[in-house]
Amino acid sequence: MSALSIVKPGHKAVPVIANPIFLTSVLRTESGAEVTFEVFEIDAGGLQALIGTKQLYHLDNKLFWAELKSLQPCQSTHPGLSLLRHKPTLRGMFLMLGEAQGDPS
């Protein structure tokens, strides 16, 4: 379970945009990696507007550039959510653009 934030120019952290999120793959930050996660629909409001955009994210003490490629309804598979399968859940996928070293464009 993790909290996801975005970081604006000047490294000003934006308060948490999704919490908790549950990683369903290893958090690999190298360019081209795909990272998946699950989040309760009620906790994902801040993510909807970010689909298709490149952002600097902060997660698990890592800063990385990524594009949120998708956020779709799903039946949860994360073990930490096993008692909460009745809650509407979304599965998201980041396309990683590399560790934070400047603008990826």
N, C-alpha and C. Protein backbone atom coordinates (compact mmCIF):
# COMPACT_ATOMS: atom_id res chain seq x y z
N MET A 1 0.85 -1.16 0.00
CA MET A 1 0.00 0.00 0.00
C MET A 1 0.90 1.23 0.00
N SER A 2 0.57 2.19 -0.88
CA SER A 2 1.38 3.37 -1.05
C SER A 2 0.51 4.58 -1.30
N ALA A 3 1.12 5.75 -1.14
CA ALA A 3 0.46 7.01 -1.49
C ALA A 3 1.16 7.57 -2.73
N LEU A 4 0.38 8.07 -3.67
CA LEU A 4 0.90 8.60 -4.93
C LEU A 4 0.70 10.10 -4.96
N SER A 5 1.78 10.83 -5.28
CA SER A 5 1.74 12.28 -5.42
C SER A 5 2.33 12.67 -6.76
N ILE A 6 2.05 13.90 -7.22
CA ILE A 6 2.75 14.44 -8.37
C ILE A 6 3.60 15.60 -7.87
N VAL A 7 4.63 15.91 -8.64
CA VAL A 7 5.54 16.98 -8.29
C VAL A 7 5.52 17.99 -9.42
N LYS A 8 5.26 19.24 -9.07
CA LYS A 8 5.17 20.32 -10.05
C LYS A 8 6.54 20.95 -10.26
N PRO A 9 6.70 21.76 -11.31
CA PRO A 9 7.98 22.45 -11.54
C PRO A 9 8.47 23.13 -10.26
N GLY A 10 9.77 23.08 -10.07
CA GLY A 10 10.36 23.60 -8.84
C GLY A 10 10.31 22.60 -7.71
N HIS A 11 9.94 21.37 -8.05
CA HIS A 11 9.85 20.27 -7.09
C HIS A 11 8.92 20.58 -5.93
N LYS A 12 7.79 21.21 -6.24
CA LYS A 12 6.77 21.45 -5.23
C LYS A 12 5.79 20.28 -5.28
N ALA A 13 5.81 19.50 -4.23
CA ALA A 13 4.95 18.32 -4.18
C ALA A 13 3.49 18.72 -4.05
N VAL A 14 2.66 18.09 -4.84
CA VAL A 14 1.22 18.26 -4.74
C VAL A 14 0.75 17.21 -3.74
N PRO A 15 -0.15 17.60 -2.85
CA PRO A 15 -0.63 16.59 -1.89
C PRO A 15 -1.06 15.32 -2.60
N VAL A 16 -1.15 14.30 -1.85
CA VAL A 16 -1.48 12.96 -2.35
C VAL A 16 -2.67 13.01 -3.30
N ILE A 17 -2.50 12.40 -4.48
CA ILE A 17 -3.59 12.34 -5.45
C ILE A 17 -4.32 11.00 -5.42
N ALA A 18 -3.71 9.99 -4.83
CA ALA A 18 -4.37 8.69 -4.66
C ALA A 18 -3.75 7.97 -3.47
N ASN A 19 -4.59 7.58 -2.53
CA ASN A 19 -4.10 6.90 -1.35
C ASN A 19 -5.26 6.11 -0.73
N PRO A 20 -5.09 4.83 -0.56
CA PRO A 20 -3.92 4.03 -0.89
C PRO A 20 -4.00 3.50 -2.32
N ILE A 21 -2.81 3.24 -2.88
CA ILE A 21 -2.76 2.46 -4.11
C ILE A 21 -1.96 1.20 -3.80
N PHE A 22 -2.27 0.16 -4.53
CA PHE A 22 -1.65 -1.14 -4.29
C PHE A 22 -0.95 -1.57 -5.57
N LEU A 23 0.37 -1.61 -5.54
CA LEU A 23 1.14 -2.03 -6.71
C LEU A 23 0.87 -3.50 -7.00
N THR A 24 0.65 -3.82 -8.28
CA THR A 24 0.46 -5.21 -8.69
C THR A 24 1.61 -5.68 -9.57
N SER A 25 2.61 -4.82 -9.70
CA SER A 25 3.85 -5.19 -10.38
C SER A 25 4.99 -4.45 -9.67
N VAL A 26 6.19 -4.83 -9.98
CA VAL A 26 7.37 -4.21 -9.37
C VAL A 26 7.49 -2.77 -9.86
N LEU A 27 7.84 -1.84 -8.97
CA LEU A 27 8.03 -0.44 -9.34
C LEU A 27 9.40 -0.29 -9.99
N ARG A 28 9.41 -0.44 -11.31
CA ARG A 28 10.64 -0.27 -12.11
C ARG A 28 10.53 1.09 -12.79
N THR A 29 11.54 1.94 -12.64
CA THR A 29 11.45 3.30 -13.15
C THR A 29 12.15 3.51 -14.49
N GLU A 30 12.80 2.49 -15.03
CA GLU A 30 13.50 2.68 -16.31
C GLU A 30 12.50 2.93 -17.43
N SER A 31 12.92 3.73 -18.37
CA SER A 31 12.07 4.10 -19.50
C SER A 31 11.57 2.86 -20.23
N GLY A 32 10.28 2.84 -20.52
CA GLY A 32 9.66 1.73 -21.24
C GLY A 32 9.01 0.69 -20.35
N ALA A 33 9.34 0.68 -19.06
CA ALA A 33 8.72 -0.28 -18.14
C ALA A 33 7.24 0.05 -17.96
N GLU A 34 6.45 -0.97 -17.71
CA GLU A 34 5.04 -0.79 -17.39
C GLU A 34 4.83 -1.20 -15.94
N VAL A 35 4.16 -0.34 -15.20
CA VAL A 35 3.89 -0.59 -13.78
C VAL A 35 2.38 -0.54 -13.58
N THR A 36 1.83 -1.58 -12.97
CA THR A 36 0.39 -1.64 -12.75
C THR A 36 0.07 -1.51 -11.26
N PHE A 37 -1.13 -1.05 -11.00
CA PHE A 37 -1.58 -0.86 -9.62
C PHE A 37 -3.09 -0.94 -9.57
N GLU A 38 -3.61 -1.12 -8.36
CA GLU A 38 -5.04 -1.08 -8.12
C GLU A 38 -5.32 0.00 -7.09
N VAL A 39 -6.46 0.65 -7.24
CA VAL A 39 -6.88 1.71 -6.34
C VAL A 39 -8.40 1.66 -6.23
N PHE A 40 -8.92 1.94 -5.05
CA PHE A 40 -10.36 2.00 -4.92
C PHE A 40 -10.87 3.18 -5.74
N GLU A 41 -11.98 2.98 -6.42
CA GLU A 41 -12.56 4.03 -7.26
C GLU A 41 -12.77 5.32 -6.46
N ILE A 42 -13.20 5.21 -5.24
CA ILE A 42 -13.46 6.38 -4.41
C ILE A 42 -12.18 7.17 -4.11
N ASP A 43 -11.03 6.52 -4.18
CA ASP A 43 -9.75 7.16 -3.87
C ASP A 43 -9.00 7.61 -5.12
N ALA A 44 -9.60 7.47 -6.30
CA ALA A 44 -8.88 7.71 -7.56
C ALA A 44 -9.30 8.99 -8.27
N GLY A 45 -10.08 9.84 -7.64
CA GLY A 45 -10.58 11.04 -8.29
C GLY A 45 -9.49 11.91 -8.90
N GLY A 46 -8.38 12.06 -8.23
CA GLY A 46 -7.28 12.88 -8.73
C GLY A 46 -6.55 12.28 -9.91
N LEU A 47 -6.74 11.00 -10.15
CA LEU A 47 -6.04 10.33 -11.25
C LEU A 47 -6.76 10.48 -12.59
N GLN A 48 -8.06 10.60 -12.57
CA GLN A 48 -8.83 10.62 -13.82
C GLN A 48 -8.31 11.67 -14.79
N ALA A 49 -8.02 12.87 -14.29
CA ALA A 49 -7.58 13.98 -15.16
C ALA A 49 -6.16 13.79 -15.67
N LEU A 50 -5.42 12.85 -15.13
CA LEU A 50 -4.01 12.65 -15.51
C LEU A 50 -3.82 11.61 -16.59
N ILE A 51 -4.87 10.91 -16.96
CA ILE A 51 -4.74 9.87 -18.00
C ILE A 51 -4.24 10.52 -19.29
N GLY A 52 -3.18 9.95 -19.85
CA GLY A 52 -2.62 10.43 -21.11
C GLY A 52 -1.64 11.58 -20.97
N THR A 53 -1.33 11.99 -19.74
CA THR A 53 -0.38 13.08 -19.55
C THR A 53 0.92 12.57 -18.95
N LYS A 54 2.01 13.26 -19.24
CA LYS A 54 3.31 12.96 -18.64
C LYS A 54 3.44 13.80 -17.38
N GLN A 55 3.76 13.13 -16.28
CA GLN A 55 3.88 13.81 -14.98
C GLN A 55 5.10 13.29 -14.25
N LEU A 56 5.58 14.11 -13.34
CA LEU A 56 6.62 13.69 -12.40
C LEU A 56 5.90 13.19 -11.16
N TYR A 57 6.06 11.91 -10.85
CA TYR A 57 5.35 11.27 -9.74
C TYR A 57 6.30 10.97 -8.60
N HIS A 58 5.73 10.89 -7.41
CA HIS A 58 6.45 10.45 -6.22
C HIS A 58 5.68 9.27 -5.63
N LEU A 59 6.37 8.15 -5.49
CA LEU A 59 5.77 6.93 -4.95
C LEU A 59 6.86 6.09 -4.31
N ASP A 60 6.62 5.64 -3.11
CA ASP A 60 7.58 4.78 -2.39
C ASP A 60 8.99 5.37 -2.38
N ASN A 61 9.09 6.66 -2.06
CA ASN A 61 10.36 7.38 -1.97
C ASN A 61 11.14 7.42 -3.28
N LYS A 62 10.43 7.29 -4.40
CA LYS A 62 11.07 7.40 -5.71
C LYS A 62 10.39 8.51 -6.50
N LEU A 63 11.18 9.27 -7.24
CA LEU A 63 10.68 10.27 -8.18
C LEU A 63 10.90 9.73 -9.57
N PHE A 64 9.85 9.76 -10.39
CA PHE A 64 9.97 9.22 -11.74
C PHE A 64 8.98 9.92 -12.67
N TRP A 65 9.37 9.97 -13.94
CA TRP A 65 8.47 10.46 -14.99
C TRP A 65 7.68 9.28 -15.52
N ALA A 66 6.38 9.50 -15.72
CA ALA A 66 5.54 8.43 -16.26
C ALA A 66 4.32 9.04 -16.94
N GLU A 67 3.73 8.23 -17.81
CA GLU A 67 2.44 8.57 -18.40
C GLU A 67 1.43 7.57 -17.89
N LEU A 68 0.34 8.07 -17.31
CA LEU A 68 -0.73 7.20 -16.88
C LEU A 68 -1.51 6.79 -18.13
N LYS A 69 -1.33 5.55 -18.56
CA LYS A 69 -1.92 5.08 -19.82
C LYS A 69 -3.38 4.66 -19.68
N SER A 70 -3.72 4.09 -18.53
CA SER A 70 -5.10 3.62 -18.38
C SER A 70 -5.50 3.57 -16.93
N LEU A 71 -6.81 3.60 -16.72
CA LEU A 71 -7.41 3.47 -15.39
C LEU A 71 -8.80 2.89 -15.63
N GLN A 72 -8.91 1.57 -15.47
CA GLN A 72 -10.12 0.85 -15.85
C GLN A 72 -10.72 0.08 -14.67
N PRO A 73 -12.04 -0.03 -14.63
CA PRO A 73 -12.67 -0.86 -13.59
C PRO A 73 -12.15 -2.30 -13.67
N CYS A 74 -12.00 -2.92 -12.50
CA CYS A 74 -11.49 -4.29 -12.48
C CYS A 74 -12.02 -5.02 -11.26
N GLN A 75 -11.86 -6.33 -11.28
CA GLN A 75 -12.05 -7.16 -10.09
C GLN A 75 -10.68 -7.25 -9.45
N SER A 76 -10.56 -6.78 -8.24
CA SER A 76 -9.25 -6.72 -7.59
C SER A 76 -8.60 -8.10 -7.49
N THR A 77 -7.28 -8.10 -7.64
CA THR A 77 -6.49 -9.32 -7.49
C THR A 77 -5.43 -9.17 -6.41
N HIS A 78 -5.22 -7.95 -5.92
CA HIS A 78 -4.17 -7.71 -4.92
C HIS A 78 -4.53 -8.39 -3.61
N PRO A 79 -3.59 -9.15 -3.02
CA PRO A 79 -3.88 -9.86 -1.77
C PRO A 79 -4.31 -8.93 -0.63
N GLY A 80 -3.77 -7.70 -0.60
CA GLY A 80 -4.13 -6.77 0.46
C GLY A 80 -5.57 -6.30 0.40
N LEU A 81 -6.23 -6.55 -0.71
CA LEU A 81 -7.62 -6.15 -0.87
C LEU A 81 -8.60 -7.31 -0.77
N SER A 82 -8.13 -8.46 -0.34
CA SER A 82 -8.94 -9.68 -0.38
C SER A 82 -10.24 -9.56 0.43
N LEU A 83 -10.26 -8.81 1.50
CA LEU A 83 -11.47 -8.66 2.30
C LEU A 83 -12.35 -7.51 1.81
N LEU A 84 -11.89 -6.81 0.79
CA LEU A 84 -12.62 -5.64 0.30
C LEU A 84 -12.99 -5.78 -1.17
N ARG A 85 -13.15 -6.99 -1.64
CA ARG A 85 -13.45 -7.23 -3.05
C ARG A 85 -14.78 -6.61 -3.48
N HIS A 86 -15.63 -6.31 -2.55
CA HIS A 86 -16.94 -5.72 -2.87
C HIS A 86 -16.85 -4.24 -3.23
N LYS A 87 -15.73 -3.58 -2.92
CA LYS A 87 -15.59 -2.16 -3.21
C LYS A 87 -15.16 -1.96 -4.66
N PRO A 88 -15.77 -1.01 -5.37
CA PRO A 88 -15.37 -0.74 -6.75
C PRO A 88 -13.88 -0.37 -6.82
N THR A 89 -13.17 -1.04 -7.71
CA THR A 89 -11.72 -0.92 -7.82
C THR A 89 -11.34 -0.62 -9.26
N LEU A 90 -10.25 0.13 -9.42
CA LEU A 90 -9.72 0.44 -10.74
C LEU A 90 -8.30 -0.10 -10.86
N ARG A 91 -7.93 -0.53 -12.06
CA ARG A 91 -6.56 -0.95 -12.33
C ARG A 91 -5.94 0.11 -13.24
N GLY A 92 -4.79 0.60 -12.81
CA GLY A 92 -4.08 1.61 -13.58
C GLY A 92 -2.78 1.06 -14.13
N MET A 93 -2.30 1.71 -15.18
CA MET A 93 -1.02 1.31 -15.77
C MET A 93 -0.23 2.55 -16.13
N PHE A 94 0.99 2.61 -15.58
CA PHE A 94 1.95 3.65 -15.92
C PHE A 94 2.91 3.14 -16.98
N LEU A 95 3.20 3.97 -17.97
CA LEU A 95 4.32 3.73 -18.86
C LEU A 95 5.44 4.61 -18.33
N MET A 96 6.48 3.98 -17.87
CA MET A 96 7.57 4.71 -17.22
C MET A 96 8.43 5.41 -18.28
N LEU A 97 8.83 6.63 -17.94
CA LEU A 97 9.64 7.45 -18.83
C LEU A 97 11.01 7.74 -18.22
N GLY A 98 11.31 7.16 -17.09
CA GLY A 98 12.63 7.26 -16.48
C GLY A 98 12.60 7.97 -15.13
N GLU A 99 13.72 7.83 -14.41
CA GLU A 99 13.85 8.49 -13.12
C GLU A 99 13.92 10.00 -13.32
N ALA A 100 13.60 10.73 -12.28
CA ALA A 100 13.54 12.19 -12.34
C ALA A 100 14.91 12.78 -12.63
N GLN A 101 15.08 13.33 -13.84
CA GLN A 101 16.32 14.00 -14.23
C GLN A 101 16.00 15.13 -15.19
N GLY A 102 14.85 15.73 -15.05
CA GLY A 102 14.44 16.79 -15.95
C GLY A 102 13.20 16.37 -16.72
N ASP A 103 12.75 17.25 -17.60
CA ASP A 103 11.53 17.01 -18.37
C ASP A 103 11.78 15.93 -19.42
N PRO A 104 10.89 14.92 -19.52
CA PRO A 104 11.12 13.82 -20.46
C PRO A 104 10.79 14.17 -21.91
N SER A 105 10.18 15.35 -22.19
CA SER A 105 9.79 15.65 -23.56
C SER A 105 10.94 16.06 -24.45
